[in-house]
Amino acid sequence: MPPAQSKRASAEHLPRLLLVDDSEAVLALEKAALGSTYRLDTAVNGRLALASMQRDPPDAVLLDLSMPEMDGDQVLLAMRADPRLRDVPVLVISTESQRARDTLKLGADDFLAKPATAEVLRRRVGALLEAASERRSLRLRPFLFFRCGPQALGLALDQVYLITARPALRPLPSAPPHLPGFFELYGQPVPVLDLAARLGLDQDQDLLERKVVVLAPRQGVHLGLETSEVWDPEGLPQEDVLEEDRFAAPFAGLKGRLHCLARGSRGLIPVLRGEALLDESELGALARELSRARA
């Protein structure tokens, strides 16, 4: 990748700030202090700021209070009433220090008195974004998603013990084909379930490229799930996690068979219940319902 392209690509991953102030001098100072660390947009009054946020919510807002057309208090009230903007962190920057307490009650995350030095501005913005990230992580539900042949599936991350390359297996006497064998983990046997085979799916990955997801122990037993591919874990907000009462076609028949449905980066994915994978009758019913959902 050419250097200019590489810089543009890396800049796209920087947090984006919206600087809102009717003073060009203040905006110039904020841009000089923050421009090398963040992507910056600007607005010179509250009305333009709110319109910009509604088009594309920023990662954080630096907000003046006294502005023409719409002041900072009005912007805050509108943001906290908008589901897309209510969690966007706001640092109010104003000469009106006497309004700090009321502004925080309206929903601002922090207040900084003008004039502020570049060093203080950078430190407070960094703390603002870090606190927002911690709040988001506490609200997110973590999942591990993987693929068995063409079927994407998931597990709640707390049901996962470890992920490993597919080891050499020792056979299980008289076991069905979808239980190809077991391996030892810290001296304990771990039976491996070829999930693609059990679900009636064509395995499309070479044996050496497959992964085994080892479930947290249940009834003192670990179970390994042989998969085609494992993706990075994802944390999802609650609105992207569908409990049974929100299942709709083609997944309505999976009520009672799944932990939930999760809308991740690869679409709507069935999330398995770890305990159901130890139950042969449950596995059979799951295979039938997933087949219907794919049809």
C-alpha atoms as a PDB file:
ATOM      1  CA  MET A   1       0.000   0.000   0.000  1.00  0.00           C
ATOM      2  CA  PRO A   2       1.448   3.451  -0.902  1.00  0.00           C
ATOM      3  CA  PRO A   3       2.364   5.632   2.138  1.00  0.00           C
ATOM      4  CA  ALA A   4      -0.449   8.147   1.486  1.00  0.00           C
ATOM      5  CA  GLN A   5      -3.022   5.358   1.253  1.00  0.00           C
ATOM      6  CA  SER A   6      -1.663   3.731   4.414  1.00  0.00           C
ATOM      7  CA  LYS A   7      -1.969   7.006   6.346  1.00  0.00           C
ATOM      8  CA  ARG A   8      -5.538   7.492   5.170  1.00  0.00           C
ATOM      9  CA  ALA A   9      -6.466   3.933   6.163  1.00  0.00           C
ATOM     10  CA  SER A  10      -4.961   4.307   9.639  1.00  0.00           C
ATOM     11  CA  ALA A  11      -6.632   7.705  10.125  1.00  0.00           C
ATOM     12  CA  GLU A  12     -10.042   6.149   9.472  1.00  0.00           C
ATOM     13  CA  HIS A  13      -9.669   4.139  12.696  1.00  0.00           C
ATOM     14  CA  LEU A  14      -9.055   7.233  14.855  1.00  0.00           C
ATOM     15  CA  PRO A  15     -11.908   8.429  17.090  1.00  0.00           C
ATOM     16  CA  ARG A  16     -13.927  11.232  15.505  1.00  0.00           C
ATOM     17  CA  LEU A  17     -14.713  14.364  17.487  1.00  0.00           C
ATOM     18  CA  LEU A  18     -17.261  17.074  16.733  1.00  0.00           C
ATOM     19  CA  LEU A  19     -16.013  20.490  17.882  1.00  0.00           C
ATOM     20  CA  VAL A  20     -18.886  22.916  18.455  1.00  0.00           C
ATOM     21  CA  ASP A  21     -18.163  26.604  19.081  1.00  0.00           C
ATOM     22  CA  ASP A  22     -19.135  29.922  17.487  1.00  0.00           C
ATOM     23  CA  SER A  23     -15.608  31.254  17.986  1.00  0.00           C
ATOM     24  CA  GLU A  24     -13.206  30.538  15.122  1.00  0.00           C
ATOM     25  CA  ALA A  25     -10.294  31.199  17.503  1.00  0.00           C
ATOM     26  CA  VAL A  26     -11.480  28.502  19.923  1.00  0.00           C
ATOM     27  CA  LEU A  27     -12.028  26.028  17.081  1.00  0.00           C
ATOM     28  CA  ALA A  28      -8.528  26.784  15.767  1.00  0.00           C
ATOM     29  CA  LEU A  29      -7.027  26.049  19.206  1.00  0.00           C
ATOM     30  CA  GLU A  30      -8.982  22.801  19.566  1.00  0.00           C
ATOM     31  CA  LYS A  31      -7.988  21.670  16.059  1.00  0.00           C
ATOM     32  CA  ALA A  32      -4.310  22.423  16.748  1.00  0.00           C
ATOM     33  CA  ALA A  33      -4.405  20.531  20.074  1.00  0.00           C
ATOM     34  CA  LEU A  34      -6.331  17.479  18.869  1.00  0.00           C
ATOM     35  CA  GLY A  35      -5.813  17.202  15.117  1.00  0.00           C
ATOM     36  CA  SER A  36      -2.862  14.835  15.262  1.00  0.00           C
ATOM     37  CA  THR A  37      -4.706  12.335  17.487  1.00  0.00           C
ATOM     38  CA  TYR A  38      -8.319  12.420  16.306  1.00  0.00           C
ATOM     39  CA  ARG A  39     -10.447  12.985  13.230  1.00  0.00           C
ATOM     40  CA  LEU A  40     -12.197  16.324  13.600  1.00  0.00           C
ATOM     41  CA  ASP A  41     -15.454  17.852  12.380  1.00  0.00           C
ATOM     42  CA  THR A  42     -16.636  21.323  13.356  1.00  0.00           C
ATOM     43  CA  ALA A  43     -19.911  23.222  13.747  1.00  0.00           C
ATOM     44  CA  VAL A  44     -20.371  26.907  14.575  1.00  0.00           C
ATOM     45  CA  ASN A  45     -23.755  26.635  16.283  1.00  0.00           C
ATOM     46  CA  GLY A  46     -25.956  24.082  18.001  1.00  0.00           C
ATOM     47  CA  ARG A  47     -28.370  23.617  15.117  1.00  0.00           C
ATOM     48  CA  LEU A  48     -25.597  22.681  12.694  1.00  0.00           C
ATOM     49  CA  ALA A  49     -23.983  20.477  15.348  1.00  0.00           C
ATOM     50  CA  LEU A  50     -27.172  18.513  15.954  1.00  0.00           C
ATOM     51  CA  ALA A  51     -27.783  18.062  12.221  1.00  0.00           C
ATOM     52  CA  SER A  52     -24.215  16.771  11.794  1.00  0.00           C
ATOM     53  CA  MET A  53     -24.599  14.297  14.675  1.00  0.00           C
ATOM     54  CA  GLN A  54     -27.913  13.006  13.363  1.00  0.00           C
ATOM     55  CA  ARG A  55     -26.309  12.295   9.990  1.00  0.00           C
ATOM     56  CA  ASP A  56     -23.278  10.564  11.484  1.00  0.00           C
ATOM     57  CA  PRO A  57     -22.885  10.234  15.286  1.00  0.00           C
ATOM     58  CA  PRO A  58     -19.341  11.131  16.418  1.00  0.00           C
ATOM     59  CA  ASP A  59     -17.317   9.366  19.087  1.00  0.00           C
ATOM     60  CA  ALA A  60     -17.442  12.462  21.316  1.00  0.00           C
ATOM     61  CA  VAL A  61     -18.560  16.107  21.268  1.00  0.00           C
ATOM     62  CA  LEU A  62     -16.753  19.194  22.581  1.00  0.00           C
ATOM     63  CA  LEU A  63     -19.583  21.660  23.165  1.00  0.00           C
ATOM     64  CA  ASP A  64     -19.760  25.382  23.855  1.00  0.00           C
ATOM     65  CA  LEU A  65     -22.774  26.679  25.795  1.00  0.00           C
ATOM     66  CA  SER A  66     -23.618  30.168  24.514  1.00  0.00           C
ATOM     67  CA  MET A  67     -24.131  30.024  20.752  1.00  0.00           C
ATOM     68  CA  PRO A  68     -26.563  31.533  18.258  1.00  0.00           C
ATOM     69  CA  GLU A  69     -29.643  29.641  16.964  1.00  0.00           C
ATOM     70  CA  MET A  70     -29.342  26.805  19.480  1.00  0.00           C
ATOM     71  CA  ASP A  71     -27.266  26.871  22.660  1.00  0.00           C
ATOM     72  CA  GLY A  72     -25.356  24.039  24.255  1.00  0.00           C
ATOM     73  CA  ASP A  73     -28.056  23.190  26.809  1.00  0.00           C
ATOM     74  CA  GLN A  74     -30.581  22.674  24.015  1.00  0.00           C
ATOM     75  CA  VAL A  75     -28.119  20.468  22.123  1.00  0.00           C
ATOM     76  CA  LEU A  76     -27.567  18.345  25.229  1.00  0.00           C
ATOM     77  CA  LEU A  77     -31.296  17.898  25.809  1.00  0.00           C
ATOM     78  CA  ALA A  78     -31.827  16.895  22.169  1.00  0.00           C
ATOM     79  CA  MET A  79     -28.913  14.441  22.286  1.00  0.00           C
ATOM     80  CA  ARG A  80     -30.062  12.702  25.446  1.00  0.00           C
ATOM     81  CA  ALA A  81     -33.564  12.314  23.985  1.00  0.00           C
ATOM     82  CA  ASP A  82     -32.246  10.706  20.775  1.00  0.00           C
ATOM     83  CA  PRO A  83     -31.548   6.918  21.034  1.00  0.00           C
ATOM     84  CA  ARG A  84     -28.659   7.217  18.527  1.00  0.00           C
ATOM     85  CA  LEU A  85     -26.989  10.070  20.426  1.00  0.00           C
ATOM     86  CA  ARG A  86     -27.849   9.534  24.087  1.00  0.00           C
ATOM     87  CA  ASP A  87     -24.604   7.653  24.797  1.00  0.00           C
ATOM     88  CA  VAL A  88     -22.261   9.977  22.861  1.00  0.00           C
ATOM     89  CA  PRO A  89     -19.935  11.521  25.486  1.00  0.00           C
ATOM     90  CA  VAL A  90     -19.965  15.322  25.769  1.00  0.00           C
ATOM     91  CA  LEU A  91     -17.276  17.620  27.159  1.00  0.00           C
ATOM     92  CA  VAL A  92     -18.694  21.110  27.687  1.00  0.00           C
ATOM     93  CA  ILE A  93     -16.083  23.853  27.259  1.00  0.00           C
ATOM     94  CA  SER A  94     -17.295  27.262  28.407  1.00  0.00           C
ATOM     95  CA  THR A  95     -16.366  30.475  30.203  1.00  0.00           C
ATOM     96  CA  GLU A  96     -19.578  30.134  32.233  1.00  0.00           C
ATOM     97  CA  SER A  97     -18.217  28.074  35.111  1.00  0.00           C
ATOM     98  CA  GLN A  98     -21.299  28.851  37.206  1.00  0.00           C
ATOM     99  CA  ARG A  99     -23.339  26.662  34.829  1.00  0.00           C
ATOM    100  CA  ALA A 100     -21.132  23.580  35.261  1.00  0.00           C
ATOM    101  CA  ARG A 101     -23.363  21.784  37.795  1.00  0.00           C
ATOM    102  CA  ASP A 102     -26.565  22.357  35.828  1.00  0.00           C
ATOM    103  CA  THR A 103     -24.879  21.283  32.607  1.00  0.00           C
ATOM    104  CA  LEU A 104     -23.734  18.005  34.151  1.00  0.00           C
ATOM    105  CA  LYS A 105     -27.297  17.387  35.373  1.00  0.00           C
ATOM    106  CA  LEU A 106     -28.528  17.827  31.805  1.00  0.00           C
ATOM    107  CA  GLY A 107     -26.268  14.986  30.666  1.00  0.00           C
ATOM    108  CA  ALA A 108     -22.808  16.391  29.988  1.00  0.00           C
ATOM    109  CA  ASP A 109     -20.019  14.000  30.965  1.00  0.00           C
ATOM    110  CA  ASP A 110     -17.457  16.651  31.909  1.00  0.00           C
ATOM    111  CA  PHE A 111     -17.011  20.425  32.108  1.00  0.00           C
ATOM    112  CA  LEU A 112     -13.864  22.359  31.251  1.00  0.00           C
ATOM    113  CA  ALA A 113     -13.522  26.092  31.863  1.00  0.00           C
ATOM    114  CA  LYS A 114     -12.152  28.348  29.143  1.00  0.00           C
ATOM    115  CA  PRO A 115      -9.425  29.162  28.428  1.00  0.00           C
ATOM    116  CA  ALA A 116      -7.925  25.672  28.459  1.00  0.00           C
ATOM    117  CA  THR A 117      -4.393  24.738  27.469  1.00  0.00           C
ATOM    118  CA  ALA A 118      -3.740  22.202  24.708  1.00  0.00           C
ATOM    119  CA  GLU A 119      -2.269  19.762  27.245  1.00  0.00           C
ATOM    120  CA  VAL A 120      -5.302  19.907  29.537  1.00  0.00           C
ATOM    121  CA  LEU A 121      -7.632  19.595  26.535  1.00  0.00           C
ATOM    122  CA  ARG A 122      -5.865  16.469  25.281  1.00  0.00           C
ATOM    123  CA  ARG A 123      -5.896  14.890  28.736  1.00  0.00           C
ATOM    124  CA  ARG A 124      -9.597  15.546  29.351  1.00  0.00           C
ATOM    125  CA  VAL A 125     -10.640  14.311  25.901  1.00  0.00           C
ATOM    126  CA  GLY A 126      -8.577  11.127  26.393  1.00  0.00           C
ATOM    127  CA  ALA A 127     -10.230  10.510  29.778  1.00  0.00           C
ATOM    128  CA  LEU A 128     -13.671  11.192  28.276  1.00  0.00           C
ATOM    129  CA  LEU A 129     -13.190   8.588  25.533  1.00  0.00           C
ATOM    130  CA  GLU A 130     -11.684   6.043  27.919  1.00  0.00           C
ATOM    131  CA  ALA A 131     -14.616   6.344  30.331  1.00  0.00           C
ATOM    132  CA  ALA A 132     -17.085   5.990  27.440  1.00  0.00           C
ATOM    133  CA  SER A 133     -15.268   2.875  26.234  1.00  0.00           C
ATOM    134  CA  GLU A 134     -15.446   1.320  29.704  1.00  0.00           C
ATOM    135  CA  ARG A 135     -19.180   2.028  29.915  1.00  0.00           C
ATOM    136  CA  ARG A 136     -19.744   0.424  26.516  1.00  0.00           C
ATOM    137  CA  SER A 137     -17.760  -2.673  27.453  1.00  0.00           C
ATOM    138  CA  LEU A 138     -19.908  -3.160  30.564  1.00  0.00           C
ATOM    139  CA  ARG A 139     -23.051  -3.040  28.423  1.00  0.00           C
ATOM    140  CA  LEU A 140     -21.834  -5.321  25.637  1.00  0.00           C
ATOM    141  CA  ARG A 141     -22.546  -9.054  25.574  1.00  0.00           C
ATOM    142  CA  PRO A 142     -19.520 -11.028  24.335  1.00  0.00           C
ATOM    143  CA  PHE A 143     -19.858 -13.867  21.821  1.00  0.00           C
ATOM    144  CA  LEU A 144     -17.552 -16.197  19.920  1.00  0.00           C
ATOM    145  CA  PHE A 145     -18.676 -16.840  16.353  1.00  0.00           C
ATOM    146  CA  PHE A 146     -17.454 -19.660  14.134  1.00  0.00           C
ATOM    147  CA  ARG A 147     -18.333 -21.569  10.990  1.00  0.00           C
ATOM    148  CA  CYS A 148     -19.204 -25.231  10.421  1.00  0.00           C
ATOM    149  CA  GLY A 149     -19.246 -25.712   6.675  1.00  0.00           C
ATOM    150  CA  PRO A 150     -21.638 -23.021   5.368  1.00  0.00           C
ATOM    151  CA  GLN A 151     -23.386 -22.489   8.720  1.00  0.00           C
ATOM    152  CA  ALA A 152     -22.326 -19.611  11.002  1.00  0.00           C
ATOM    153  CA  LEU A 153     -22.914 -20.320  14.696  1.00  0.00           C
ATOM    154  CA  GLY A 154     -22.003 -18.758  17.996  1.00  0.00           C
ATOM    155  CA  LEU A 155     -21.513 -19.321  21.697  1.00  0.00           C
ATOM    156  CA  ALA A 156     -21.710 -16.942  24.630  1.00  0.00           C
ATOM    157  CA  LEU A 157     -18.064 -16.266  25.410  1.00  0.00           C
ATOM    158  CA  ASP A 158     -18.402 -17.437  29.017  1.00  0.00           C
ATOM    159  CA  GLN A 159     -19.188 -20.937  27.673  1.00  0.00           C
ATOM    160  CA  VAL A 160     -15.801 -21.118  25.900  1.00  0.00           C
ATOM    161  CA  TYR A 161     -12.807 -22.590  27.714  1.00  0.00           C
ATOM    162  CA  LEU A 162     -10.200 -22.354  24.958  1.00  0.00           C
ATOM    163  CA  ILE A 163      -9.649 -22.533  21.196  1.00  0.00           C
ATOM    164  CA  THR A 164      -7.003 -24.761  19.677  1.00  0.00           C
ATOM    165  CA  ALA A 165      -5.848 -26.128  16.359  1.00  0.00           C
ATOM    166  CA  ARG A 166      -7.442 -29.466  15.605  1.00  0.00           C
ATOM    167  CA  PRO A 167      -5.209 -31.994  17.434  1.00  0.00           C
ATOM    168  CA  ALA A 168      -4.585 -35.605  16.529  1.00  0.00           C
ATOM    169  CA  LEU A 169      -7.388 -37.634  18.053  1.00  0.00           C
ATOM    170  CA  ARG A 170      -7.546 -41.035  19.649  1.00  0.00           C
ATOM    171  CA  PRO A 171     -10.625 -43.019  18.604  1.00  0.00           C
ATOM    172  CA  LEU A 172     -13.665 -43.515  20.794  1.00  0.00           C
ATOM    173  CA  PRO A 173     -14.752 -47.175  20.606  1.00  0.00           C
ATOM    174  CA  SER A 174     -18.213 -47.677  19.047  1.00  0.00           C
ATOM    175  CA  ALA A 175     -18.731 -43.910  18.677  1.00  0.00           C
ATOM    176  CA  PRO A 176     -20.805 -42.524  15.765  1.00  0.00           C
ATOM    177  CA  PRO A 177     -18.963 -40.779  12.882  1.00  0.00           C
ATOM    178  CA  HIS A 178     -19.649 -37.295  14.248  1.00  0.00           C
ATOM    179  CA  LEU A 179     -17.563 -38.179  17.350  1.00  0.00           C
ATOM    180  CA  PRO A 180     -14.209 -38.790  15.648  1.00  0.00           C
ATOM    181  CA  GLY A 181     -12.230 -39.197  18.880  1.00  0.00           C
ATOM    182  CA  PHE A 182     -10.769 -37.467  21.898  1.00  0.00           C
ATOM    183  CA  PHE A 183      -7.571 -35.754  22.995  1.00  0.00           C
ATOM    184  CA  GLU A 184      -6.089 -35.061  26.391  1.00  0.00           C
ATOM    185  CA  LEU A 185      -6.110 -31.575  27.895  1.00  0.00           C
ATOM    186  CA  TYR A 186      -4.139 -31.155  31.110  1.00  0.00           C
ATOM    187  CA  GLY A 187      -4.487 -34.892  31.673  1.00  0.00           C
ATOM    188  CA  GLN A 188      -8.255 -34.943  31.120  1.00  0.00           C
ATOM    189  CA  PRO A 189      -9.938 -36.553  28.075  1.00  0.00           C
ATOM    190  CA  VAL A 190     -11.857 -34.160  25.801  1.00  0.00           C
ATOM    191  CA  PRO A 191     -14.260 -35.838  23.359  1.00  0.00           C
ATOM    192  CA  VAL A 192     -14.564 -33.953  20.067  1.00  0.00           C
ATOM    193  CA  LEU A 193     -17.859 -33.402  18.269  1.00  0.00           C
ATOM    194  CA  ASP A 194     -17.618 -32.782  14.504  1.00  0.00           C
ATOM    195  CA  LEU A 195     -20.426 -30.244  14.520  1.00  0.00           C
ATOM    196  CA  ALA A 196     -20.659 -29.946  10.739  1.00  0.00           C
ATOM    197  CA  ALA A 197     -21.120 -33.715  10.395  1.00  0.00           C
ATOM    198  CA  ARG A 198     -23.704 -33.833  13.180  1.00  0.00           C
ATOM    199  CA  LEU A 199     -25.697 -31.015  11.585  1.00  0.00           C
ATOM    200  CA  GLY A 200     -25.586 -32.705   8.185  1.00  0.00           C
ATOM    201  CA  LEU A 201     -23.353 -30.053   6.632  1.00  0.00           C
ATOM    202  CA  ASP A 202     -20.561 -30.480   4.117  1.00  0.00           C
ATOM    203  CA  GLN A 203     -17.183 -29.797   5.713  1.00  0.00           C
ATOM    204  CA  ASP A 204     -15.243 -27.446   3.417  1.00  0.00           C
ATOM    205  CA  GLN A 205     -12.014 -27.075   5.376  1.00  0.00           C
ATOM    206  CA  ASP A 206      -8.944 -29.305   5.288  1.00  0.00           C
ATOM    207  CA  LEU A 207      -8.428 -31.275   8.480  1.00  0.00           C
ATOM    208  CA  LEU A 208      -5.232 -29.430   9.424  1.00  0.00           C
ATOM    209  CA  GLU A 209      -6.928 -26.048   9.026  1.00  0.00           C
ATOM    210  CA  ARG A 210      -9.857 -26.788  11.327  1.00  0.00           C
ATOM    211  CA  LYS A 211     -10.182 -25.430  14.871  1.00  0.00           C
ATOM    212  CA  VAL A 212     -11.559 -26.989  18.040  1.00  0.00           C
ATOM    213  CA  VAL A 213     -13.544 -24.831  20.453  1.00  0.00           C
ATOM    214  CA  VAL A 214     -13.393 -26.417  23.922  1.00  0.00           C
ATOM    215  CA  LEU A 215     -16.445 -25.671  26.039  1.00  0.00           C
ATOM    216  CA  ALA A 216     -16.240 -24.797  29.711  1.00  0.00           C
ATOM    217  CA  PRO A 217     -16.707 -28.020  31.678  1.00  0.00           C
ATOM    218  CA  ARG A 218     -20.217 -29.244  32.406  1.00  0.00           C
ATOM    219  CA  GLN A 219     -20.758 -32.046  34.876  1.00  0.00           C
ATOM    220  CA  GLY A 220     -16.968 -32.246  35.068  1.00  0.00           C
ATOM    221  CA  VAL A 221     -16.623 -32.918  31.312  1.00  0.00           C
ATOM    222  CA  HIS A 222     -15.102 -30.757  28.598  1.00  0.00           C
ATOM    223  CA  LEU A 223     -16.441 -31.046  25.053  1.00  0.00           C
ATOM    224  CA  GLY A 224     -14.548 -29.970  21.964  1.00  0.00           C
ATOM    225  CA  LEU A 225     -16.435 -28.651  18.913  1.00  0.00           C
ATOM    226  CA  GLU A 226     -14.631 -29.248  15.630  1.00  0.00           C
ATOM    227  CA  THR A 227     -15.236 -26.214  13.422  1.00  0.00           C
ATOM    228  CA  SER A 228     -14.206 -25.020   9.981  1.00  0.00           C
ATOM    229  CA  GLU A 229     -13.179 -21.530  11.066  1.00  0.00           C
ATOM    230  CA  VAL A 230     -13.259 -19.425  14.225  1.00  0.00           C
ATOM    231  CA  TRP A 231     -13.662 -15.642  14.100  1.00  0.00           C
ATOM    232  CA  ASP A 232     -12.609 -13.021  16.617  1.00  0.00           C
ATOM    233  CA  PRO A 233     -14.966 -12.552  19.579  1.00  0.00           C
ATOM    234  CA  GLU A 234     -17.480  -9.714  19.309  1.00  0.00           C
ATOM    235  CA  GLY A 235     -19.183  -7.658  21.975  1.00  0.00           C
ATOM    236  CA  LEU A 236     -22.733  -6.742  20.988  1.00  0.00           C
ATOM    237  CA  PRO A 237     -25.162  -4.234  22.496  1.00  0.00           C
ATOM    238  CA  GLN A 238     -28.347  -5.648  23.936  1.00  0.00           C
ATOM    239  CA  GLU A 239     -30.460  -4.414  21.006  1.00  0.00           C
ATOM    240  CA  ASP A 240     -28.458  -6.727  18.703  1.00  0.00           C
ATOM    241  CA  VAL A 241     -29.201  -9.781  20.866  1.00  0.00           C
ATOM    242  CA  LEU A 242     -32.576 -11.387  20.133  1.00  0.00           C
ATOM    243  CA  GLU A 243     -34.081 -13.499  22.890  1.00  0.00           C
ATOM    244  CA  GLU A 244     -36.683 -16.183  22.075  1.00  0.00           C
ATOM    245  CA  ASP A 245     -39.655 -13.816  22.139  1.00  0.00           C
ATOM    246  CA  ARG A 246     -38.088 -11.910  19.227  1.00  0.00           C
ATOM    247  CA  PHE A 247     -37.385 -14.931  16.998  1.00  0.00           C
ATOM    248  CA  ALA A 248     -39.009 -14.598  13.577  1.00  0.00           C
ATOM    249  CA  ALA A 249     -38.877 -16.572  10.331  1.00  0.00           C
ATOM    250  CA  PRO A 250     -36.762 -18.413   9.362  1.00  0.00           C
ATOM    251  CA  PHE A 251     -35.611 -18.948  12.981  1.00  0.00           C
ATOM    252  CA  ALA A 252     -39.015 -19.218  14.707  1.00  0.00           C
ATOM    253  CA  GLY A 253     -38.730 -23.028  14.847  1.00  0.00           C
ATOM    254  CA  LEU A 254     -35.535 -22.743  16.877  1.00  0.00           C
ATOM    255  CA  LYS A 255     -37.288 -21.420  19.976  1.00  0.00           C
ATOM    256  CA  GLY A 256     -36.179 -23.548  22.897  1.00  0.00           C
ATOM    257  CA  ARG A 257     -33.148 -24.810  20.950  1.00  0.00           C
ATOM    258  CA  LEU A 258     -30.899 -21.735  21.103  1.00  0.00           C
ATOM    259  CA  HIS A 259     -29.378 -19.446  23.694  1.00  0.00           C
ATOM    260  CA  CYS A 260     -30.336 -16.462  21.485  1.00  0.00           C
ATOM    261  CA  LEU A 261     -29.805 -14.948  18.036  1.00  0.00           C
ATOM    262  CA  ALA A 262     -26.991 -12.406  17.710  1.00  0.00           C
ATOM    263  CA  ARG A 263     -26.739  -9.752  15.026  1.00  0.00           C
ATOM    264  CA  GLY A 264     -22.952  -9.641  14.558  1.00  0.00           C
ATOM    265  CA  SER A 265     -20.733  -8.329  11.767  1.00  0.00           C
ATOM    266  CA  ARG A 266     -21.608 -11.423   9.692  1.00  0.00           C
ATOM    267  CA  GLY A 267     -25.370 -11.123  10.021  1.00  0.00           C
ATOM    268  CA  LEU A 268     -27.901 -12.822  12.276  1.00  0.00           C
ATOM    269  CA  ILE A 269     -26.234 -15.861  13.856  1.00  0.00           C
ATOM    270  CA  PRO A 270     -27.770 -18.664  15.965  1.00  0.00           C
ATOM    271  CA  VAL A 271     -26.064 -18.866  19.364  1.00  0.00           C
ATOM    272  CA  LEU A 272     -25.947 -22.387  20.785  1.00  0.00           C
ATOM    273  CA  ARG A 273     -26.600 -23.493  24.350  1.00  0.00           C
ATOM    274  CA  GLY A 274     -23.523 -25.342  25.532  1.00  0.00           C
ATOM    275  CA  GLU A 275     -25.515 -27.813  27.607  1.00  0.00           C
ATOM    276  CA  ALA A 276     -27.618 -28.824  24.585  1.00  0.00           C
ATOM    277  CA  LEU A 277     -24.496 -30.012  22.773  1.00  0.00           C
ATOM    278  CA  LEU A 278     -24.104 -32.798  25.321  1.00  0.00           C
ATOM    279  CA  ASP A 279     -27.604 -34.106  24.601  1.00  0.00           C
ATOM    280  CA  GLU A 280     -27.934 -36.305  21.489  1.00  0.00           C
ATOM    281  CA  SER A 281     -31.688 -35.779  21.152  1.00  0.00           C
ATOM    282  CA  GLU A 282     -31.260 -32.011  21.446  1.00  0.00           C
ATOM    283  CA  LEU A 283     -28.534 -32.105  18.794  1.00  0.00           C
ATOM    284  CA  GLY A 284     -30.831 -34.014  16.460  1.00  0.00           C
ATOM    285  CA  ALA A 285     -33.635 -31.484  16.916  1.00  0.00           C
ATOM    286  CA  LEU A 286     -31.200 -28.611  16.430  1.00  0.00           C
ATOM    287  CA  ALA A 287     -29.936 -30.164  13.190  1.00  0.00           C
ATOM    288  CA  ARG A 288     -33.484 -30.482  11.847  1.00  0.00           C
ATOM    289  CA  GLU A 289     -34.499 -26.925  12.739  1.00  0.00           C
ATOM    290  CA  LEU A 290     -31.307 -25.374  11.353  1.00  0.00           C
ATOM    291  CA  SER A 291     -31.877 -27.295   8.137  1.00  0.00           C
ATOM    292  CA  ARG A 292     -35.395 -25.829   7.905  1.00  0.00           C
ATOM    293  CA  ALA A 293     -34.059 -22.334   8.597  1.00  0.00           C
ATOM    294  CA  ARG A 294     -31.508 -22.652   5.774  1.00  0.00           C
ATOM    295  CA  ALA A 295     -34.112 -23.975   3.310  1.00  0.00           C
END
